[in-house]
Amino acid sequence: MIDKEYEKLIARIKKDISMYVDEEYEELVDRIKFDLYKEFIDPETATYGVKYVEDELDEPYEGIISDEDKLKDELSRLCLIQNKFVDDEKYEKAELMKNKIIKLQNKINKL
């Protein structure tokens, strides 16, 4: 994850956390811990916390942007991250990104 994206993600999480009551906060923390553990065991399932800031009910572009366009945007983001890993000589992470890119390309082709 790029530093700017990471900082943006942290800021959004902090903002979202302020909306939770203690009980909801603890539940969220437990879910994040569990998911981080799963991602550590199987890095291919990693979402880098994105799923916690993207609320399914919070779709401001619903009906305006097609699912294909959303997937293409995600594809370009993954390619950017993969290139960053290659530039940083983190080839194992770049390979994981490549696998995600291939899966996403297949999903786009099925549309």
PDB file of N, CA and C in Angstrom:
ATOM      1  N   MET A   1       0.842  -1.167   0.000  1.00  0.00           N
ATOM      2  CA  MET A   1       0.000   0.000   0.000  1.00  0.00           C
ATOM      3  C   MET A   1       0.890   1.234   0.000  1.00  0.00           C
ATOM      4  N   ILE A   2       0.564   2.186  -0.823  1.00  0.00           N
ATOM      5  CA  ILE A   2       1.332   3.417  -0.941  1.00  0.00           C
ATOM      6  C   ILE A   2       1.120   4.255   0.323  1.00  0.00           C
ATOM      7  N   ASP A   3       2.144   5.028   0.702  1.00  0.00           N
ATOM      8  CA  ASP A   3       2.078   5.811   1.930  1.00  0.00           C
ATOM      9  C   ASP A   3       0.855   6.731   1.956  1.00  0.00           C
ATOM     10  N   LYS A   4       0.569   7.396   0.837  1.00  0.00           N
ATOM     11  CA  LYS A   4      -0.579   8.301   0.791  1.00  0.00           C
ATOM     12  C   LYS A   4      -1.877   7.527   1.005  1.00  0.00           C
ATOM     13  N   GLU A   5      -1.991   6.368   0.368  1.00  0.00           N
ATOM     14  CA  GLU A   5      -3.198   5.551   0.523  1.00  0.00           C
ATOM     15  C   GLU A   5      -3.321   5.072   1.961  1.00  0.00           C
ATOM     16  N   TYR A   6      -2.201   4.699   2.550  1.00  0.00           N
ATOM     17  CA  TYR A   6      -2.194   4.231   3.938  1.00  0.00           C
ATOM     18  C   TYR A   6      -2.664   5.336   4.875  1.00  0.00           C
ATOM     19  N   GLU A   7      -2.118   6.542   4.700  1.00  0.00           N
ATOM     20  CA  GLU A   7      -2.505   7.663   5.554  1.00  0.00           C
ATOM     21  C   GLU A   7      -3.982   8.002   5.372  1.00  0.00           C
ATOM     22  N   LYS A   8      -4.462   7.940   4.143  1.00  0.00           N
ATOM     23  CA  LYS A   8      -5.864   8.205   3.846  1.00  0.00           C
ATOM     24  C   LYS A   8      -6.753   7.148   4.519  1.00  0.00           C
ATOM     25  N   LEU A   9      -6.324   5.900   4.448  1.00  0.00           N
ATOM     26  CA  LEU A   9      -7.063   4.802   5.068  1.00  0.00           C
ATOM     27  C   LEU A   9      -7.122   4.982   6.582  1.00  0.00           C
ATOM     28  N   ILE A  10      -6.006   5.313   7.198  1.00  0.00           N
ATOM     29  CA  ILE A  10      -5.950   5.526   8.645  1.00  0.00           C
ATOM     30  C   ILE A  10      -6.873   6.675   9.053  1.00  0.00           C
ATOM     31  N   ALA A  11      -6.849   7.759   8.296  1.00  0.00           N
ATOM     32  CA  ALA A  11      -7.699   8.904   8.615  1.00  0.00           C
ATOM     33  C   ALA A  11      -9.172   8.520   8.531  1.00  0.00           C
ATOM     34  N   ARG A  12      -9.527   7.756   7.509  1.00  0.00           N
ATOM     35  CA  ARG A  12     -10.927   7.322   7.347  1.00  0.00           C
ATOM     36  C   ARG A  12     -11.337   6.375   8.470  1.00  0.00           C
ATOM     37  N   ILE A  13     -10.451   5.472   8.855  1.00  0.00           N
ATOM     38  CA  ILE A  13     -10.757   4.539   9.940  1.00  0.00           C
ATOM     39  C   ILE A  13     -10.957   5.303  11.246  1.00  0.00           C
ATOM     40  N   LYS A  14     -10.079   6.270  11.528  1.00  0.00           N
ATOM     41  CA  LYS A  14     -10.215   7.061  12.757  1.00  0.00           C
ATOM     42  C   LYS A  14     -11.539   7.809  12.772  1.00  0.00           C
ATOM     43  N   LYS A  15     -11.917   8.356  11.629  1.00  0.00           N
ATOM     44  CA  LYS A  15     -13.183   9.074  11.527  1.00  0.00           C
ATOM     45  C   LYS A  15     -14.350   8.120  11.764  1.00  0.00           C
ATOM     46  N   ASP A  16     -14.284   6.952  11.142  1.00  0.00           N
ATOM     47  CA  ASP A  16     -15.364   5.974  11.276  1.00  0.00           C
ATOM     48  C   ASP A  16     -15.450   5.411  12.693  1.00  0.00           C
ATOM     49  N   ILE A  17     -14.311   5.223  13.333  1.00  0.00           N
ATOM     50  CA  ILE A  17     -14.293   4.667  14.688  1.00  0.00           C
ATOM     51  C   ILE A  17     -14.994   5.602  15.661  1.00  0.00           C
ATOM     52  N   SER A  18     -14.897   6.902  15.432  1.00  0.00           N
ATOM     53  CA  SER A  18     -15.526   7.856  16.347  1.00  0.00           C
ATOM     54  C   SER A  18     -17.045   7.708  16.367  1.00  0.00           C
ATOM     55  N   MET A  19     -17.616   7.060  15.355  1.00  0.00           N
ATOM     56  CA  MET A  19     -19.068   6.861  15.291  1.00  0.00           C
ATOM     57  C   MET A  19     -19.529   5.655  16.102  1.00  0.00           C
ATOM     58  N   TYR A  20     -18.622   4.778  16.471  1.00  0.00           N
ATOM     59  CA  TYR A  20     -18.991   3.545  17.153  1.00  0.00           C
ATOM     60  C   TYR A  20     -19.105   3.725  18.657  1.00  0.00           C
ATOM     61  N   VAL A  21     -20.049   3.022  19.250  1.00  0.00           N
ATOM     62  CA  VAL A  21     -20.087   2.944  20.704  1.00  0.00           C
ATOM     63  C   VAL A  21     -19.098   1.862  21.113  1.00  0.00           C
ATOM     64  N   ASP A  22     -18.797   1.776  22.407  1.00  0.00           N
ATOM     65  CA  ASP A  22     -17.773   0.847  22.884  1.00  0.00           C
ATOM     66  C   ASP A  22     -17.999  -0.588  22.424  1.00  0.00           C
ATOM     67  N   GLU A  23     -19.236  -1.052  22.510  1.00  0.00           N
ATOM     68  CA  GLU A  23     -19.534  -2.431  22.142  1.00  0.00           C
ATOM     69  C   GLU A  23     -19.271  -2.681  20.653  1.00  0.00           C
ATOM     70  N   GLU A  24     -19.711  -1.743  19.806  1.00  0.00           N
ATOM     71  CA  GLU A  24     -19.481  -1.872  18.367  1.00  0.00           C
ATOM     72  C   GLU A  24     -17.987  -1.769  18.048  1.00  0.00           C
ATOM     73  N   TYR A  25     -17.314  -0.890  18.774  1.00  0.00           N
ATOM     74  CA  TYR A  25     -15.880  -0.709  18.577  1.00  0.00           C
ATOM     75  C   TYR A  25     -15.126  -2.003  18.869  1.00  0.00           C
ATOM     76  N   GLU A  26     -15.453  -2.643  19.988  1.00  0.00           N
ATOM     77  CA  GLU A  26     -14.796  -3.897  20.350  1.00  0.00           C
ATOM     78  C   GLU A  26     -15.066  -4.976  19.300  1.00  0.00           C
ATOM     79  N   GLU A  27     -16.295  -5.011  18.792  1.00  0.00           N
ATOM     80  CA  GLU A  27     -16.638  -5.989  17.753  1.00  0.00           C
ATOM     81  C   GLU A  27     -15.820  -5.728  16.486  1.00  0.00           C
ATOM     82  N   LEU A  28     -15.692  -4.455  16.124  1.00  0.00           N
ATOM     83  CA  LEU A  28     -14.903  -4.092  14.949  1.00  0.00           C
ATOM     84  C   LEU A  28     -13.438  -4.480  15.136  1.00  0.00           C
ATOM     85  N   VAL A  29     -12.888  -4.195  16.302  1.00  0.00           N
ATOM     86  CA  VAL A  29     -11.490  -4.541  16.591  1.00  0.00           C
ATOM     87  C   VAL A  29     -11.289  -6.051  16.497  1.00  0.00           C
ATOM     88  N   ASP A  30     -12.229  -6.819  17.040  1.00  0.00           N
ATOM     89  CA  ASP A  30     -12.117  -8.278  16.967  1.00  0.00           C
ATOM     90  C   ASP A  30     -12.164  -8.769  15.526  1.00  0.00           C
ATOM     91  N   ARG A  31     -13.040  -8.192  14.708  1.00  0.00           N
ATOM     92  CA  ARG A  31     -13.119  -8.582  13.292  1.00  0.00           C
ATOM     93  C   ARG A  31     -11.818  -8.259  12.568  1.00  0.00           C
ATOM     94  N   ILE A  32     -11.272  -7.082  12.851  1.00  0.00           N
ATOM     95  CA  ILE A  32     -10.017  -6.684  12.197  1.00  0.00           C
ATOM     96  C   ILE A  32      -8.884  -7.613  12.613  1.00  0.00           C
ATOM     97  N   LYS A  33      -8.790  -7.940  13.888  1.00  0.00           N
ATOM     98  CA  LYS A  33      -7.750  -8.859  14.367  1.00  0.00           C
ATOM     99  C   LYS A  33      -7.865 -10.212  13.676  1.00  0.00           C
ATOM    100  N   PHE A  34      -9.097 -10.734  13.609  1.00  0.00           N
ATOM    101  CA  PHE A  34      -9.323 -12.033  12.985  1.00  0.00           C
ATOM    102  C   PHE A  34      -8.938 -11.992  11.500  1.00  0.00           C
ATOM    103  N   ASP A  35      -9.345 -10.937  10.810  1.00  0.00           N
ATOM    104  CA  ASP A  35      -9.021 -10.823   9.382  1.00  0.00           C
ATOM    105  C   ASP A  35      -7.521 -10.657   9.156  1.00  0.00           C
ATOM    106  N   LEU A  36      -6.868  -9.895  10.018  1.00  0.00           N
ATOM    107  CA  LEU A  36      -5.412  -9.742   9.889  1.00  0.00           C
ATOM    108  C   LEU A  36      -4.715 -11.087  10.065  1.00  0.00           C
ATOM    109  N   TYR A  37      -5.207 -11.879  11.015  1.00  0.00           N
ATOM    110  CA  TYR A  37      -4.641 -13.214  11.224  1.00  0.00           C
ATOM    111  C   TYR A  37      -4.841 -14.068   9.980  1.00  0.00           C
ATOM    112  N   LYS A  38      -6.058 -14.052   9.409  1.00  0.00           N
ATOM    113  CA  LYS A  38      -6.332 -14.830   8.197  1.00  0.00           C
ATOM    114  C   LYS A  38      -5.449 -14.371   7.035  1.00  0.00           C
ATOM    115  N   GLU A  39      -5.257 -13.050   6.923  1.00  0.00           N
ATOM    116  CA  GLU A  39      -4.431 -12.515   5.844  1.00  0.00           C
ATOM    117  C   GLU A  39      -2.963 -12.883   6.046  1.00  0.00           C
ATOM    118  N   PHE A  40      -2.534 -12.990   7.293  1.00  0.00           N
ATOM    119  CA  PHE A  40      -1.167 -13.401   7.578  1.00  0.00           C
ATOM    120  C   PHE A  40      -0.968 -14.854   7.159  1.00  0.00           C
ATOM    121  N   ILE A  41      -1.959 -15.696   7.437  1.00  0.00           N
ATOM    122  CA  ILE A  41      -1.890 -17.105   7.074  1.00  0.00           C
ATOM    123  C   ILE A  41      -1.974 -17.279   5.559  1.00  0.00           C
ATOM    124  N   ASP A  42      -2.871 -16.529   4.907  1.00  0.00           N
ATOM    125  CA  ASP A  42      -3.062 -16.631   3.461  1.00  0.00           C
ATOM    126  C   ASP A  42      -3.035 -15.226   2.857  1.00  0.00           C
ATOM    127  N   PRO A  43      -1.854 -14.706   2.504  1.00  0.00           N
ATOM    128  CA  PRO A  43      -1.732 -13.331   2.011  1.00  0.00           C
ATOM    129  C   PRO A  43      -2.560 -13.035   0.756  1.00  0.00           C
ATOM    130  N   GLU A  44      -2.925 -14.076   0.037  1.00  0.00           N
ATOM    131  CA  GLU A  44      -3.693 -13.857  -1.186  1.00  0.00           C
ATOM    132  C   GLU A  44      -5.082 -13.301  -0.884  1.00  0.00           C
ATOM    133  N   THR A  45      -5.561 -13.496   0.327  1.00  0.00           N
ATOM    134  CA  THR A  45      -6.882 -12.983   0.703  1.00  0.00           C
ATOM    135  C   THR A  45      -6.809 -11.572   1.272  1.00  0.00           C
ATOM    136  N   ALA A  46      -5.644 -10.979   1.320  1.00  0.00           N
ATOM    137  CA  ALA A  46      -5.457  -9.673   1.947  1.00  0.00           C
ATOM    138  C   ALA A  46      -6.256  -8.582   1.239  1.00  0.00           C
ATOM    139  N   THR A  47      -6.912  -7.750   2.033  1.00  0.00           N
ATOM    140  CA  THR A  47      -7.649  -6.601   1.496  1.00  0.00           C
ATOM    141  C   THR A  47      -7.037  -5.290   1.975  1.00  0.00           C
ATOM    142  N   TYR A  48      -6.050  -5.387   2.826  1.00  0.00           N
ATOM    143  CA  TYR A  48      -5.334  -4.229   3.360  1.00  0.00           C
ATOM    144  C   TYR A  48      -6.280  -3.239   4.043  1.00  0.00           C
ATOM    145  N   GLY A  49      -7.321  -3.759   4.677  1.00  0.00           N
ATOM    146  CA  GLY A  49      -8.229  -2.922   5.448  1.00  0.00           C
ATOM    147  C   GLY A  49      -9.277  -2.181   4.646  1.00  0.00           C
ATOM    148  N   VAL A  50      -9.245  -2.300   3.347  1.00  0.00           N
ATOM    149  CA  VAL A  50     -10.164  -1.544   2.503  1.00  0.00           C
ATOM    150  C   VAL A  50     -11.611  -1.898   2.806  1.00  0.00           C
ATOM    151  N   LYS A  51     -11.896  -3.146   3.083  1.00  0.00           N
ATOM    152  CA  LYS A  51     -13.287  -3.547   3.302  1.00  0.00           C
ATOM    153  C   LYS A  51     -13.897  -2.904   4.538  1.00  0.00           C
ATOM    154  N   TYR A  52     -13.084  -2.382   5.427  1.00  0.00           N
ATOM    155  CA  TYR A  52     -13.628  -1.754   6.624  1.00  0.00           C
ATOM    156  C   TYR A  52     -14.000  -0.297   6.410  1.00  0.00           C
ATOM    157  N   VAL A  53     -13.505   0.306   5.372  1.00  0.00           N
ATOM    158  CA  VAL A  53     -13.847   1.699   5.096  1.00  0.00           C
ATOM    159  C   VAL A  53     -14.815   1.834   3.931  1.00  0.00           C
ATOM    160  N   GLU A  54     -15.045   0.760   3.220  1.00  0.00           N
ATOM    161  CA  GLU A  54     -16.005   0.775   2.123  1.00  0.00           C
ATOM    162  C   GLU A  54     -17.288   0.110   2.600  1.00  0.00           C
ATOM    163  N   ASP A  55     -18.225   0.899   2.962  1.00  0.00           N
ATOM    164  CA  ASP A  55     -19.503   0.399   3.460  1.00  0.00           C
ATOM    165  C   ASP A  55     -20.394   0.064   2.272  1.00  0.00           C
ATOM    166  N   GLU A  56     -20.992  -1.120   2.301  1.00  0.00           N
ATOM    167  CA  GLU A  56     -21.865  -1.528   1.201  1.00  0.00           C
ATOM    168  C   GLU A  56     -23.050  -0.579   1.040  1.00  0.00           C
ATOM    169  N   LEU A  57     -23.514  -0.002   2.125  1.00  0.00           N
ATOM    170  CA  LEU A  57     -24.634   0.917   2.048  1.00  0.00           C
ATOM    171  C   LEU A  57     -24.209   2.300   1.582  1.00  0.00           C
ATOM    172  N   ASP A  58     -22.938   2.565   1.627  1.00  0.00           N
ATOM    173  CA  ASP A  58     -22.403   3.867   1.259  1.00  0.00           C
ATOM    174  C   ASP A  58     -21.917   3.820  -0.185  1.00  0.00           C
ATOM    175  N   GLU A  59     -22.852   3.776  -1.121  1.00  0.00           N
ATOM    176  CA  GLU A  59     -22.530   3.709  -2.548  1.00  0.00           C
ATOM    177  C   GLU A  59     -22.985   4.991  -3.219  1.00  0.00           C
ATOM    178  N   PRO A  60     -22.185   6.058  -3.147  1.00  0.00           N
ATOM    179  CA  PRO A  60     -22.622   7.334  -3.711  1.00  0.00           C
ATOM    180  C   PRO A  60     -22.768   7.314  -5.232  1.00  0.00           C
ATOM    181  N   TYR A  61     -22.120   6.370  -5.896  1.00  0.00           N
ATOM    182  CA  TYR A  61     -22.157   6.336  -7.359  1.00  0.00           C
ATOM    183  C   TYR A  61     -23.021   5.197  -7.886  1.00  0.00           C
ATOM    184  N   GLU A  62     -23.864   4.642  -7.021  1.00  0.00           N
ATOM    185  CA  GLU A  62     -24.723   3.530  -7.408  1.00  0.00           C
ATOM    186  C   GLU A  62     -25.611   3.965  -8.574  1.00  0.00           C
ATOM    187  N   GLY A  63     -25.576   3.192  -9.645  1.00  0.00           N
ATOM    188  CA  GLY A  63     -26.384   3.496 -10.822  1.00  0.00           C
ATOM    189  C   GLY A  63     -25.720   4.455 -11.783  1.00  0.00           C
ATOM    190  N   ILE A  64     -24.680   5.134 -11.338  1.00  0.00           N
ATOM    191  CA  ILE A  64     -23.972   6.082 -12.202  1.00  0.00           C
ATOM    192  C   ILE A  64     -22.765   5.408 -12.845  1.00  0.00           C
ATOM    193  N   ILE A  65     -22.034   4.652 -12.035  1.00  0.00           N
ATOM    194  CA  ILE A  65     -20.840   3.950 -12.519  1.00  0.00           C
ATOM    195  C   ILE A  65     -21.164   2.463 -12.589  1.00  0.00           C
ATOM    196  N   SER A  66     -20.864   1.863 -13.715  1.00  0.00           N
ATOM    197  CA  SER A  66     -21.172   0.442 -13.895  1.00  0.00           C
ATOM    198  C   SER A  66     -20.217  -0.426 -13.078  1.00  0.00           C
ATOM    199  N   ASP A  67     -20.641  -1.661 -12.841  1.00  0.00           N
ATOM    200  CA  ASP A  67     -19.789  -2.608 -12.116  1.00  0.00           C
ATOM    201  C   ASP A  67     -18.487  -2.832 -12.870  1.00  0.00           C
ATOM    202  N   GLU A  68     -18.570  -2.858 -14.189  1.00  0.00           N
ATOM    203  CA  GLU A  68     -17.364  -3.059 -14.996  1.00  0.00           C
ATOM    204  C   GLU A  68     -16.379  -1.913 -14.786  1.00  0.00           C
ATOM    205  N   ASP A  69     -16.880  -0.686 -14.748  1.00  0.00           N
ATOM    206  CA  ASP A  69     -16.000   0.464 -14.517  1.00  0.00           C
ATOM    207  C   ASP A  69     -15.363   0.410 -13.128  1.00  0.00           C
ATOM    208  N   LYS A  70     -16.143  -0.021 -12.143  1.00  0.00           N
ATOM    209  CA  LYS A  70     -15.599  -0.157 -10.784  1.00  0.00           C
ATOM    210  C   LYS A  70     -14.478  -1.196 -10.765  1.00  0.00           C
ATOM    211  N   LEU A  71     -14.713  -2.322 -11.453  1.00  0.00           N
ATOM    212  CA  LEU A  71     -13.690  -3.372 -11.498  1.00  0.00           C
ATOM    213  C   LEU A  71     -12.450  -2.897 -12.245  1.00  0.00           C
ATOM    214  N   LYS A  72     -12.644  -2.136 -13.300  1.00  0.00           N
ATOM    215  CA  LYS A  72     -11.490  -1.606 -14.044  1.00  0.00           C
ATOM    216  C   LYS A  72     -10.691  -0.624 -13.189  1.00  0.00           C
ATOM    217  N   ASP A  73     -11.382   0.178 -12.408  1.00  0.00           N
ATOM    218  CA  ASP A  73     -10.688   1.085 -11.484  1.00  0.00           C
ATOM    219  C   ASP A  73      -9.872   0.298 -10.466  1.00  0.00           C
ATOM    220  N   GLU A  74     -10.482  -0.763  -9.937  1.00  0.00           N
ATOM    221  CA  GLU A  74      -9.782  -1.617  -8.978  1.00  0.00           C
ATOM    222  C   GLU A  74      -8.573  -2.274  -9.643  1.00  0.00           C
ATOM    223  N   LEU A  75      -8.738  -2.683 -10.894  1.00  0.00           N
ATOM    224  CA  LEU A  75      -7.646  -3.297 -11.642  1.00  0.00           C
ATOM    225  C   LEU A  75      -6.479  -2.326 -11.794  1.00  0.00           C
ATOM    226  N   SER A  76      -6.783  -1.090 -12.115  1.00  0.00           N
ATOM    227  CA  SER A  76      -5.700  -0.105 -12.268  1.00  0.00           C
ATOM    228  C   SER A  76      -5.009   0.159 -10.929  1.00  0.00           C
ATOM    229  N   ARG A  77      -5.787   0.148  -9.845  1.00  0.00           N
ATOM    230  CA  ARG A  77      -5.192   0.333  -8.510  1.00  0.00           C
ATOM    231  C   ARG A  77      -4.255  -0.824  -8.165  1.00  0.00           C
ATOM    232  N   LEU A  78      -4.690  -2.048  -8.463  1.00  0.00           N
ATOM    233  CA  LEU A  78      -3.845  -3.215  -8.192  1.00  0.00           C
ATOM    234  C   LEU A  78      -2.567  -3.184  -9.030  1.00  0.00           C
ATOM    235  N   CYS A  79      -2.690  -2.752 -10.286  1.00  0.00           N
ATOM    236  CA  CYS A  79      -1.498  -2.645 -11.142  1.00  0.00           C
ATOM    237  C   CYS A  79      -0.522  -1.616 -10.581  1.00  0.00           C
ATOM    238  N   LEU A  80      -1.059  -0.516 -10.079  1.00  0.00           N
ATOM    239  CA  LEU A  80      -0.215   0.515  -9.481  1.00  0.00           C
ATOM    240  C   LEU A  80       0.534  -0.038  -8.267  1.00  0.00           C
ATOM    241  N   ILE A  81      -0.180  -0.779  -7.439  1.00  0.00           N
ATOM    242  CA  ILE A  81       0.439  -1.377  -6.250  1.00  0.00           C
ATOM    243  C   ILE A  81       1.486  -2.406  -6.661  1.00  0.00           C
ATOM    244  N   GLN A  82       1.172  -3.209  -7.676  1.00  0.00           N
ATOM    245  CA  GLN A  82       2.133  -4.208  -8.156  1.00  0.00           C
ATOM    246  C   GLN A  82       3.408  -3.526  -8.647  1.00  0.00           C
ATOM    247  N   ASN A  83       3.269  -2.456  -9.401  1.00  0.00           N
ATOM    248  CA  ASN A  83       4.441  -1.726  -9.894  1.00  0.00           C
ATOM    249  C   ASN A  83       5.266  -1.151  -8.747  1.00  0.00           C
ATOM    250  N   LYS A  84       4.587  -0.684  -7.716  1.00  0.00           N
ATOM    251  CA  LYS A  84       5.292  -0.166  -6.540  1.00  0.00           C
ATOM    252  C   LYS A  84       6.117  -1.272  -5.881  1.00  0.00           C
ATOM    253  N   PHE A  85       5.518  -2.481  -5.775  1.00  0.00           N
ATOM    254  CA  PHE A  85       6.254  -3.605  -5.193  1.00  0.00           C
ATOM    255  C   PHE A  85       7.465  -3.974  -6.048  1.00  0.00           C
ATOM    256  N   VAL A  86       7.309  -3.957  -7.353  1.00  0.00           N
ATOM    257  CA  VAL A  86       8.430  -4.278  -8.250  1.00  0.00           C
ATOM    258  C   VAL A  86       9.527  -3.225  -8.096  1.00  0.00           C
ATOM    259  N   ASP A  87       9.139  -1.947  -8.063  1.00  0.00           N
ATOM    260  CA  ASP A  87      10.114  -0.870  -7.888  1.00  0.00           C
ATOM    261  C   ASP A  87      10.882  -1.007  -6.577  1.00  0.00           C
ATOM    262  N   ASP A  88      10.179  -1.478  -5.537  1.00  0.00           N
ATOM    263  CA  ASP A  88      10.803  -1.659  -4.221  1.00  0.00           C
ATOM    264  C   ASP A  88      11.490  -3.017  -4.091  1.00  0.00           C
ATOM    265  N   GLU A  89      11.504  -3.777  -5.180  1.00  0.00           N
ATOM    266  CA  GLU A  89      12.106  -5.108  -5.239  1.00  0.00           C
ATOM    267  C   GLU A  89      11.477  -6.078  -4.237  1.00  0.00           C
ATOM    268  N   LYS A  90      10.182  -5.944  -4.049  1.00  0.00           N
ATOM    269  CA  LYS A  90       9.415  -6.860  -3.202  1.00  0.00           C
ATOM    270  C   LYS A  90       8.655  -7.805  -4.139  1.00  0.00           C
ATOM    271  N   TYR A  91       9.401  -8.724  -4.704  1.00  0.00           N
ATOM    272  CA  TYR A  91       8.869  -9.545  -5.783  1.00  0.00           C
ATOM    273  C   TYR A  91       7.803 -10.546  -5.328  1.00  0.00           C
ATOM    274  N   GLU A  92       7.885 -11.013  -4.101  1.00  0.00           N
ATOM    275  CA  GLU A  92       6.861 -11.948  -3.615  1.00  0.00           C
ATOM    276  C   GLU A  92       5.509 -11.246  -3.513  1.00  0.00           C
ATOM    277  N   LYS A  93       5.503 -10.024  -3.003  1.00  0.00           N
ATOM    278  CA  LYS A  93       4.264  -9.263  -2.911  1.00  0.00           C
ATOM    279  C   LYS A  93       3.756  -8.904  -4.312  1.00  0.00           C
ATOM    280  N   ALA A  94       4.681  -8.599  -5.216  1.00  0.00           N
ATOM    281  CA  ALA A  94       4.291  -8.296  -6.593  1.00  0.00           C
ATOM    282  C   ALA A  94       3.629  -9.509  -7.239  1.00  0.00           C
ATOM    283  N   GLU A  95       4.119 -10.686  -6.937  1.00  0.00           N
ATOM    284  CA  GLU A  95       3.525 -11.919  -7.473  1.00  0.00           C
ATOM    285  C   GLU A  95       2.109 -12.119  -6.927  1.00  0.00           C
ATOM    286  N   LEU A  96       1.910 -11.820  -5.647  1.00  0.00           N
ATOM    287  CA  LEU A  96       0.561 -11.907  -5.076  1.00  0.00           C
ATOM    288  C   LEU A  96      -0.388 -10.937  -5.775  1.00  0.00           C
ATOM    289  N   MET A  97       0.099  -9.736  -6.042  1.00  0.00           N
ATOM    290  CA  MET A  97      -0.711  -8.757  -6.757  1.00  0.00           C
ATOM    291  C   MET A  97      -1.030  -9.255  -8.162  1.00  0.00           C
ATOM    292  N   LYS A  98      -0.056  -9.890  -8.790  1.00  0.00           N
ATOM    293  CA  LYS A  98      -0.268 -10.423 -10.138  1.00  0.00           C
ATOM    294  C   LYS A  98      -1.416 -11.433 -10.133  1.00  0.00           C
ATOM    295  N   ASN A  99      -1.441 -12.302  -9.133  1.00  0.00           N
ATOM    296  CA  ASN A  99      -2.518 -13.292  -9.017  1.00  0.00           C
ATOM    297  C   ASN A  99      -3.874 -12.612  -8.848  1.00  0.00           C
ATOM    298  N   LYS A 100      -3.925 -11.567  -8.017  1.00  0.00           N
ATOM    299  CA  LYS A 100      -5.170 -10.832  -7.827  1.00  0.00           C
ATOM    300  C   LYS A 100      -5.598 -10.148  -9.128  1.00  0.00           C
ATOM    301  N   ILE A 101      -4.616  -9.612  -9.850  1.00  0.00           N
ATOM    302  CA  ILE A 101      -4.904  -8.936 -11.117  1.00  0.00           C
ATOM    303  C   ILE A 101      -5.500  -9.917 -12.121  1.00  0.00           C
ATOM    304  N   ILE A 102      -4.925 -11.102 -12.200  1.00  0.00           N
ATOM    305  CA  ILE A 102      -5.423 -12.115 -13.129  1.00  0.00           C
ATOM    306  C   ILE A 102      -6.861 -12.499 -12.775  1.00  0.00           C
ATOM    307  N   LYS A 103      -7.129 -12.697 -11.495  1.00  0.00           N
ATOM    308  CA  LYS A 103      -8.497 -13.036 -11.063  1.00  0.00           C
ATOM    309  C   LYS A 103      -9.478 -11.933 -11.412  1.00  0.00           C
ATOM    310  N   LEU A 104      -9.060 -10.698 -11.207  1.00  0.00           N
ATOM    311  CA  LEU A 104      -9.934  -9.573 -11.503  1.00  0.00           C
ATOM    312  C   LEU A 104     -10.155  -9.433 -13.011  1.00  0.00           C
ATOM    313  N   GLN A 105      -9.098  -9.655 -13.803  1.00  0.00           N
ATOM    314  CA  GLN A 105      -9.245  -9.615 -15.258  1.00  0.00           C
ATOM    315  C   GLN A 105     -10.239 -10.674 -15.734  1.00  0.00           C
ATOM    316  N   ASN A 106     -10.159 -11.862 -15.140  1.00  0.00           N
ATOM    317  CA  ASN A 106     -11.116 -12.910 -15.490  1.00  0.00           C
ATOM    318  C   ASN A 106     -12.540 -12.511 -15.136  1.00  0.00           C
ATOM    319  N   LYS A 107     -12.697 -11.853 -13.989  1.00  0.00           N
ATOM    320  CA  LYS A 107     -14.020 -11.406 -13.564  1.00  0.00           C
ATOM    321  C   LYS A 107     -14.567 -10.365 -14.542  1.00  0.00           C
ATOM    322  N   ILE A 108     -13.699  -9.453 -14.985  1.00  0.00           N
ATOM    323  CA  ILE A 108     -14.110  -8.420 -15.949  1.00  0.00           C
ATOM    324  C   ILE A 108     -14.504  -9.075 -17.273  1.00  0.00           C
ATOM    325  N   ASN A 109     -13.728 -10.043 -17.696  1.00  0.00           N
ATOM    326  CA  ASN A 109     -14.013 -10.710 -18.975  1.00  0.00           C
ATOM    327  C   ASN A 109     -15.347 -11.455 -18.961  1.00  0.00           C
ATOM    328  N   LYS A 110     -15.770 -11.895 -17.775  1.00  0.00           N
ATOM    329  CA  LYS A 110     -17.039 -12.630 -17.655  1.00  0.00           C
ATOM    330  C   LYS A 110     -18.252 -11.696 -17.733  1.00  0.00           C
ATOM    331  N   LEU A 111     -18.031 -10.390 -17.520  1.00  0.00           N
ATOM    332  CA  LEU A 111     -19.150  -9.435 -17.556  1.00  0.00           C
ATOM    333  C   LEU A 111     -19.667  -9.235 -18.965  1.00  0.00           C
TER     334      LEU A 111
END
